[in-house]
Amino acid sequence: MIDVDIQYASDEPDLPHQESLTHWVNTVLKAHHKGKGDNTENANTLTPQNAPLLPSSVELTIRIVDEAESKQLNDTWRQCPKPTNVLSFPFESPPGVELPLLGDIVICAPLVAREAAEQYKSLVAHWAHLVIHGTLHLLG
């Protein structure tokens, strides 16, 4: 089971609801688990088939922000002083510590809306794309 914590830190209109965000994350996790089995022949190469299974219960945070926070985070973590559409922060537990945390995804709502319009995409489709993209980064 996935516990998706949503943090709305943007006043942008038409933000996706928790149900949609959780559905998109679950879609990625189901695909990640599908087809897992013994794949020892490629044990040195990480593929969806031999990637480690996630714990039965895992937590993930999605924070929806405005451009100022996105810019600050992007500058701090990537030395790129401008907002970006999505940032992923995989959780890395210390050795010997097992916590069911997948990580954090930060999405810049105004940038998502602007990109969707510029690329002639529906806003919902672009949100889905970025949530899926961010979740895949958390999985490695």
N, C-alpha and C. Protein backbone atom coordinates (compact mmCIF):
# COMPACT_ATOMS: atom_id res chain seq x y z
N MET A 1 0.84 -1.18 0.00
CA MET A 1 0.00 0.00 0.00
C MET A 1 0.89 1.25 0.00
N ILE A 2 0.46 2.24 -0.75
CA ILE A 2 1.21 3.49 -0.82
C ILE A 2 0.44 4.57 -0.04
N ASP A 3 1.16 5.28 0.77
CA ASP A 3 0.59 6.42 1.49
C ASP A 3 1.19 7.66 0.84
N VAL A 4 0.37 8.39 0.09
CA VAL A 4 0.84 9.59 -0.61
C VAL A 4 0.40 10.81 0.19
N ASP A 5 1.37 11.55 0.68
CA ASP A 5 1.12 12.78 1.41
C ASP A 5 1.21 13.94 0.43
N ILE A 6 0.13 14.70 0.30
CA ILE A 6 0.11 15.83 -0.63
C ILE A 6 0.21 17.12 0.16
N GLN A 7 1.13 17.97 -0.25
CA GLN A 7 1.30 19.29 0.36
C GLN A 7 1.03 20.35 -0.71
N TYR A 8 -0.07 21.07 -0.54
CA TYR A 8 -0.42 22.13 -1.48
C TYR A 8 0.15 23.45 -0.97
N ALA A 9 1.20 23.94 -1.63
CA ALA A 9 1.84 25.20 -1.25
C ALA A 9 1.80 26.17 -2.43
N SER A 10 0.71 26.10 -3.20
CA SER A 10 0.53 26.96 -4.37
C SER A 10 -0.92 27.39 -4.44
N ASP A 11 -1.13 28.62 -4.89
CA ASP A 11 -2.49 29.13 -5.10
C ASP A 11 -2.94 28.98 -6.54
N GLU A 12 -2.16 28.28 -7.33
CA GLU A 12 -2.48 28.07 -8.75
C GLU A 12 -3.85 27.38 -8.86
N PRO A 13 -4.70 27.81 -9.80
CA PRO A 13 -5.99 27.12 -9.97
C PRO A 13 -5.82 25.77 -10.66
N ASP A 14 -6.84 24.96 -10.57
CA ASP A 14 -6.91 23.68 -11.28
C ASP A 14 -5.81 22.70 -10.90
N LEU A 15 -5.49 22.63 -9.62
CA LEU A 15 -4.51 21.64 -9.16
C LEU A 15 -5.18 20.28 -9.08
N PRO A 16 -4.44 19.22 -9.36
CA PRO A 16 -5.04 17.89 -9.29
C PRO A 16 -5.39 17.52 -7.84
N HIS A 17 -6.43 16.72 -7.71
CA HIS A 17 -6.87 16.25 -6.40
C HIS A 17 -5.99 15.09 -5.94
N GLN A 18 -6.03 14.82 -4.65
CA GLN A 18 -5.22 13.74 -4.08
C GLN A 18 -5.52 12.40 -4.76
N GLU A 19 -6.77 12.15 -5.11
CA GLU A 19 -7.13 10.87 -5.74
C GLU A 19 -6.37 10.68 -7.06
N SER A 20 -6.29 11.73 -7.86
CA SER A 20 -5.58 11.64 -9.14
C SER A 20 -4.09 11.44 -8.92
N LEU A 21 -3.51 12.23 -8.03
CA LEU A 21 -2.08 12.11 -7.75
C LEU A 21 -1.74 10.70 -7.25
N THR A 22 -2.55 10.18 -6.35
CA THR A 22 -2.32 8.84 -5.81
C THR A 22 -2.48 7.78 -6.90
N HIS A 23 -3.46 7.96 -7.77
CA HIS A 23 -3.67 7.01 -8.87
C HIS A 23 -2.44 6.95 -9.78
N TRP A 24 -1.88 8.11 -10.12
CA TRP A 24 -0.72 8.13 -11.01
C TRP A 24 0.49 7.47 -10.35
N VAL A 25 0.69 7.71 -9.07
CA VAL A 25 1.80 7.05 -8.35
C VAL A 25 1.57 5.55 -8.32
N ASN A 26 0.35 5.12 -8.00
CA ASN A 26 0.06 3.68 -7.95
C ASN A 26 0.25 3.01 -9.30
N THR A 27 -0.05 3.71 -10.37
CA THR A 27 0.16 3.15 -11.72
C THR A 27 1.63 2.82 -11.94
N VAL A 28 2.51 3.72 -11.52
CA VAL A 28 3.95 3.48 -11.65
C VAL A 28 4.37 2.30 -10.78
N LEU A 29 3.91 2.27 -9.55
CA LEU A 29 4.34 1.21 -8.62
C LEU A 29 3.84 -0.16 -9.07
N LYS A 30 2.62 -0.22 -9.63
CA LYS A 30 2.12 -1.50 -10.16
C LYS A 30 2.98 -1.98 -11.32
N ALA A 31 3.35 -1.07 -12.21
CA ALA A 31 4.22 -1.44 -13.33
C ALA A 31 5.59 -1.87 -12.83
N HIS A 32 6.07 -1.22 -11.78
CA HIS A 32 7.37 -1.55 -11.19
C HIS A 32 7.38 -2.98 -10.65
N HIS A 33 6.26 -3.39 -10.06
CA HIS A 33 6.18 -4.72 -9.47
C HIS A 33 5.80 -5.80 -10.47
N LYS A 34 5.17 -5.43 -11.56
CA LYS A 34 4.69 -6.41 -12.53
C LYS A 34 5.85 -7.17 -13.17
N GLY A 35 5.72 -8.46 -13.23
CA GLY A 35 6.72 -9.28 -13.90
C GLY A 35 7.96 -9.55 -13.09
N LYS A 36 7.94 -9.22 -11.82
CA LYS A 36 9.12 -9.51 -10.99
C LYS A 36 9.21 -11.01 -10.77
N GLY A 37 10.38 -11.49 -10.84
CA GLY A 37 10.61 -12.91 -10.62
C GLY A 37 12.10 -13.14 -10.57
N ASP A 38 12.52 -14.37 -10.68
CA ASP A 38 13.94 -14.69 -10.63
C ASP A 38 14.57 -14.30 -11.95
N ASN A 39 15.47 -13.37 -11.91
CA ASN A 39 16.15 -12.90 -13.11
C ASN A 39 17.64 -12.82 -12.81
N THR A 40 18.20 -13.92 -12.35
CA THR A 40 19.59 -13.93 -11.90
C THR A 40 20.58 -13.76 -13.04
N GLU A 41 20.17 -14.05 -14.27
CA GLU A 41 21.12 -13.93 -15.38
C GLU A 41 21.57 -12.49 -15.61
N ASN A 42 20.74 -11.52 -15.24
CA ASN A 42 21.10 -10.12 -15.40
C ASN A 42 21.26 -9.44 -14.05
N ALA A 43 21.78 -10.14 -13.08
CA ALA A 43 21.83 -9.63 -11.71
C ALA A 43 22.68 -8.37 -11.58
N ASN A 44 23.62 -8.14 -12.49
CA ASN A 44 24.47 -6.96 -12.39
C ASN A 44 23.88 -5.73 -13.07
N THR A 45 22.76 -5.89 -13.75
CA THR A 45 22.11 -4.79 -14.43
C THR A 45 20.74 -4.59 -13.82
N LEU A 46 20.46 -3.37 -13.36
CA LEU A 46 19.17 -3.08 -12.75
C LEU A 46 18.15 -2.85 -13.85
N THR A 47 17.14 -3.70 -13.87
CA THR A 47 16.04 -3.59 -14.81
C THR A 47 14.75 -3.65 -14.01
N PRO A 48 13.60 -3.34 -14.62
CA PRO A 48 12.35 -3.48 -13.88
C PRO A 48 12.14 -4.91 -13.36
N GLN A 49 12.68 -5.90 -14.06
CA GLN A 49 12.48 -7.28 -13.65
C GLN A 49 13.31 -7.67 -12.43
N ASN A 50 14.47 -7.06 -12.24
CA ASN A 50 15.29 -7.46 -11.09
C ASN A 50 15.48 -6.33 -10.08
N ALA A 51 14.76 -5.23 -10.27
CA ALA A 51 14.83 -4.15 -9.28
C ALA A 51 14.25 -4.65 -7.97
N PRO A 52 14.77 -4.17 -6.86
CA PRO A 52 14.27 -4.64 -5.58
C PRO A 52 12.80 -4.29 -5.40
N LEU A 53 12.07 -5.22 -4.81
CA LEU A 53 10.67 -4.96 -4.50
C LEU A 53 10.59 -3.94 -3.38
N LEU A 54 9.59 -3.11 -3.46
CA LEU A 54 9.36 -2.14 -2.40
C LEU A 54 8.68 -2.84 -1.23
N PRO A 55 8.80 -2.28 -0.04
CA PRO A 55 8.06 -2.85 1.09
C PRO A 55 6.57 -2.85 0.79
N SER A 56 5.81 -3.67 1.50
CA SER A 56 4.37 -3.74 1.25
C SER A 56 3.67 -2.42 1.56
N SER A 57 4.26 -1.60 2.39
CA SER A 57 3.71 -0.29 2.71
C SER A 57 4.83 0.74 2.55
N VAL A 58 4.56 1.77 1.78
CA VAL A 58 5.59 2.76 1.51
C VAL A 58 4.96 4.15 1.49
N GLU A 59 5.74 5.16 1.85
CA GLU A 59 5.26 6.54 1.89
C GLU A 59 6.00 7.40 0.86
N LEU A 60 5.28 8.35 0.32
CA LEU A 60 5.80 9.27 -0.68
C LEU A 60 5.13 10.63 -0.46
N THR A 61 5.89 11.69 -0.58
CA THR A 61 5.32 13.04 -0.46
C THR A 61 5.39 13.75 -1.80
N ILE A 62 4.28 14.37 -2.17
CA ILE A 62 4.24 15.25 -3.34
C ILE A 62 3.93 16.65 -2.82
N ARG A 63 4.85 17.58 -3.08
CA ARG A 63 4.66 18.97 -2.67
C ARG A 63 4.46 19.81 -3.92
N ILE A 64 3.34 20.51 -3.98
CA ILE A 64 3.01 21.36 -5.12
C ILE A 64 3.31 22.80 -4.72
N VAL A 65 4.23 23.43 -5.46
CA VAL A 65 4.77 24.73 -5.06
C VAL A 65 4.61 25.78 -6.16
N ASP A 66 4.90 27.02 -5.79
CA ASP A 66 4.97 28.12 -6.74
C ASP A 66 6.40 28.27 -7.24
N GLU A 67 6.61 29.21 -8.15
CA GLU A 67 7.92 29.35 -8.79
C GLU A 67 9.04 29.75 -7.82
N ALA A 68 8.74 30.55 -6.83
CA ALA A 68 9.80 30.99 -5.90
C ALA A 68 10.40 29.80 -5.15
N GLU A 69 9.55 28.91 -4.65
CA GLU A 69 10.07 27.75 -3.92
C GLU A 69 10.78 26.78 -4.87
N SER A 70 10.24 26.60 -6.05
CA SER A 70 10.88 25.72 -7.03
C SER A 70 12.27 26.25 -7.39
N LYS A 71 12.36 27.56 -7.61
CA LYS A 71 13.65 28.18 -7.94
C LYS A 71 14.65 27.98 -6.81
N GLN A 72 14.21 28.21 -5.58
CA GLN A 72 15.09 28.07 -4.42
C GLN A 72 15.60 26.64 -4.28
N LEU A 73 14.71 25.67 -4.41
CA LEU A 73 15.12 24.26 -4.31
C LEU A 73 16.04 23.86 -5.46
N ASN A 74 15.70 24.29 -6.66
CA ASN A 74 16.51 23.95 -7.83
C ASN A 74 17.91 24.56 -7.71
N ASP A 75 17.99 25.77 -7.18
CA ASP A 75 19.29 26.42 -6.98
C ASP A 75 20.09 25.71 -5.89
N THR A 76 19.43 25.38 -4.80
CA THR A 76 20.11 24.71 -3.68
C THR A 76 20.63 23.34 -4.06
N TRP A 77 19.83 22.53 -4.72
CA TRP A 77 20.18 21.13 -4.96
C TRP A 77 20.81 20.86 -6.32
N ARG A 78 20.58 21.76 -7.30
CA ARG A 78 21.11 21.51 -8.64
C ARG A 78 21.95 22.68 -9.16
N GLN A 79 22.13 23.72 -8.33
CA GLN A 79 22.87 24.91 -8.71
C GLN A 79 22.35 25.50 -10.02
N CYS A 80 21.04 25.49 -10.16
CA CYS A 80 20.38 26.04 -11.35
C CYS A 80 19.33 27.05 -10.85
N PRO A 81 19.65 28.35 -10.87
CA PRO A 81 18.79 29.35 -10.23
C PRO A 81 17.56 29.75 -11.04
N LYS A 82 16.74 28.78 -11.37
CA LYS A 82 15.47 29.05 -12.04
C LYS A 82 14.49 27.95 -11.64
N PRO A 83 13.20 28.21 -11.73
CA PRO A 83 12.24 27.16 -11.38
C PRO A 83 12.30 26.03 -12.39
N THR A 84 11.91 24.85 -11.94
CA THR A 84 11.84 23.68 -12.81
C THR A 84 10.51 22.99 -12.58
N ASN A 85 10.07 22.19 -13.54
CA ASN A 85 8.75 21.59 -13.42
C ASN A 85 8.66 20.54 -12.32
N VAL A 86 9.68 19.69 -12.20
CA VAL A 86 9.62 18.62 -11.19
C VAL A 86 11.02 18.35 -10.64
N LEU A 87 11.07 18.14 -9.34
CA LEU A 87 12.29 17.70 -8.66
C LEU A 87 11.95 16.45 -7.87
N SER A 88 12.87 15.51 -7.84
CA SER A 88 12.69 14.28 -7.07
C SER A 88 13.81 14.14 -6.06
N PHE A 89 13.44 13.77 -4.86
CA PHE A 89 14.40 13.58 -3.77
C PHE A 89 14.22 12.19 -3.20
N PRO A 90 14.93 11.19 -3.74
CA PRO A 90 14.80 9.82 -3.21
C PRO A 90 15.29 9.76 -1.76
N PHE A 91 14.59 8.99 -0.95
CA PHE A 91 15.00 8.81 0.44
C PHE A 91 16.09 7.76 0.49
N GLU A 92 17.18 8.08 1.15
CA GLU A 92 18.27 7.13 1.34
C GLU A 92 18.43 6.90 2.83
N SER A 93 18.03 5.72 3.28
CA SER A 93 18.11 5.44 4.71
C SER A 93 19.55 5.12 5.10
N PRO A 94 19.91 5.46 6.32
CA PRO A 94 21.25 5.13 6.80
C PRO A 94 21.43 3.62 6.86
N PRO A 95 22.67 3.14 6.80
CA PRO A 95 22.91 1.70 6.87
C PRO A 95 22.26 1.09 8.11
N GLY A 96 21.58 -0.02 7.90
CA GLY A 96 20.95 -0.74 9.00
C GLY A 96 19.61 -0.20 9.43
N VAL A 97 19.14 0.85 8.78
CA VAL A 97 17.85 1.44 9.13
C VAL A 97 16.88 1.19 7.99
N GLU A 98 15.77 0.56 8.30
CA GLU A 98 14.75 0.28 7.29
C GLU A 98 13.53 1.15 7.56
N LEU A 99 13.28 2.10 6.72
CA LEU A 99 12.09 2.95 6.83
C LEU A 99 11.32 2.87 5.52
N PRO A 100 9.98 2.86 5.59
CA PRO A 100 9.18 2.71 4.37
C PRO A 100 8.97 4.03 3.63
N LEU A 101 10.04 4.77 3.41
CA LEU A 101 9.93 6.07 2.75
C LEU A 101 10.53 5.98 1.35
N LEU A 102 9.76 6.35 0.35
CA LEU A 102 10.26 6.34 -1.02
C LEU A 102 10.97 7.66 -1.34
N GLY A 103 10.43 8.77 -0.89
CA GLY A 103 11.06 10.06 -1.12
C GLY A 103 10.03 11.15 -1.35
N ASP A 104 10.51 12.26 -1.88
CA ASP A 104 9.68 13.45 -2.10
C ASP A 104 9.74 13.88 -3.55
N ILE A 105 8.60 14.34 -4.05
CA ILE A 105 8.51 14.95 -5.37
C ILE A 105 8.00 16.37 -5.17
N VAL A 106 8.65 17.33 -5.82
CA VAL A 106 8.23 18.73 -5.76
C VAL A 106 7.87 19.15 -7.19
N ILE A 107 6.64 19.65 -7.36
CA ILE A 107 6.17 20.05 -8.68
C ILE A 107 5.75 21.52 -8.64
N CYS A 108 6.22 22.27 -9.62
CA CYS A 108 5.95 23.71 -9.71
C CYS A 108 4.67 23.93 -10.53
N ALA A 109 3.58 24.24 -9.84
CA ALA A 109 2.27 24.36 -10.48
C ALA A 109 2.20 25.41 -11.59
N PRO A 110 2.69 26.63 -11.40
CA PRO A 110 2.60 27.60 -12.49
C PRO A 110 3.38 27.16 -13.74
N LEU A 111 4.51 26.52 -13.53
CA LEU A 111 5.31 26.05 -14.66
C LEU A 111 4.61 24.91 -15.40
N VAL A 112 3.95 24.02 -14.66
CA VAL A 112 3.19 22.93 -15.28
C VAL A 112 2.10 23.52 -16.17
N ALA A 113 1.37 24.51 -15.66
CA ALA A 113 0.30 25.12 -16.45
C ALA A 113 0.84 25.81 -17.69
N ARG A 114 1.94 26.53 -17.54
CA ARG A 114 2.55 27.24 -18.67
C ARG A 114 3.04 26.25 -19.73
N GLU A 115 3.74 25.20 -19.29
CA GLU A 115 4.25 24.20 -20.24
C GLU A 115 3.11 23.49 -20.97
N ALA A 116 2.06 23.15 -20.25
CA ALA A 116 0.92 22.48 -20.89
C ALA A 116 0.35 23.35 -22.01
N ALA A 117 0.18 24.64 -21.74
CA ALA A 117 -0.35 25.55 -22.75
C ALA A 117 0.62 25.69 -23.93
N GLU A 118 1.90 25.86 -23.64
CA GLU A 118 2.91 26.02 -24.69
C GLU A 118 3.04 24.78 -25.56
N GLN A 119 2.84 23.60 -24.97
CA GLN A 119 3.02 22.34 -25.68
C GLN A 119 1.69 21.77 -26.19
N TYR A 120 0.62 22.54 -26.06
CA TYR A 120 -0.71 22.13 -26.51
C TYR A 120 -1.13 20.78 -25.93
N LYS A 121 -0.85 20.61 -24.64
CA LYS A 121 -1.24 19.40 -23.91
C LYS A 121 -2.37 19.77 -22.95
N SER A 122 -3.17 18.78 -22.61
CA SER A 122 -4.15 19.06 -21.56
C SER A 122 -3.39 19.19 -20.24
N LEU A 123 -3.91 20.03 -19.37
CA LEU A 123 -3.27 20.25 -18.07
C LEU A 123 -3.20 18.95 -17.28
N VAL A 124 -4.27 18.18 -17.30
CA VAL A 124 -4.30 16.90 -16.56
C VAL A 124 -3.25 15.94 -17.10
N ALA A 125 -3.12 15.87 -18.41
CA ALA A 125 -2.12 14.96 -19.00
C ALA A 125 -0.70 15.37 -18.60
N HIS A 126 -0.44 16.66 -18.54
CA HIS A 126 0.91 17.11 -18.17
C HIS A 126 1.18 16.84 -16.69
N TRP A 127 0.17 17.05 -15.84
CA TRP A 127 0.33 16.71 -14.43
C TRP A 127 0.63 15.22 -14.28
N ALA A 128 -0.13 14.38 -14.97
CA ALA A 128 0.09 12.93 -14.88
C ALA A 128 1.51 12.58 -15.32
N HIS A 129 1.94 13.16 -16.42
CA HIS A 129 3.29 12.91 -16.94
C HIS A 129 4.36 13.25 -15.90
N LEU A 130 4.23 14.40 -15.26
CA LEU A 130 5.26 14.84 -14.32
C LEU A 130 5.24 14.05 -13.02
N VAL A 131 4.06 13.66 -12.55
CA VAL A 131 3.99 12.81 -11.35
C VAL A 131 4.61 11.45 -11.65
N ILE A 132 4.29 10.88 -12.79
CA ILE A 132 4.87 9.59 -13.18
C ILE A 132 6.38 9.72 -13.34
N HIS A 133 6.82 10.76 -14.01
CA HIS A 133 8.25 11.00 -14.22
C HIS A 133 8.98 11.12 -12.88
N GLY A 134 8.43 11.91 -11.98
CA GLY A 134 9.05 12.08 -10.66
C GLY A 134 9.09 10.78 -9.87
N THR A 135 8.02 10.01 -9.94
CA THR A 135 7.97 8.73 -9.23
C THR A 135 9.00 7.76 -9.78
N LEU A 136 9.15 7.73 -11.09
CA LEU A 136 10.17 6.86 -11.69
C LEU A 136 11.57 7.24 -11.21
N HIS A 137 11.83 8.52 -11.07
CA HIS A 137 13.14 8.95 -10.54
C HIS A 137 13.33 8.46 -9.11
N LEU A 138 12.28 8.46 -8.31
CA LEU A 138 12.40 7.95 -6.94
C LEU A 138 12.73 6.46 -6.92
N LEU A 139 12.27 5.74 -7.92
CA LEU A 139 12.53 4.30 -8.00
C LEU A 139 13.92 3.99 -8.53
N GLY A 140 14.61 5.01 -9.04
CA GLY A 140 15.96 4.81 -9.53
C GLY A 140 16.01 4.72 -11.01
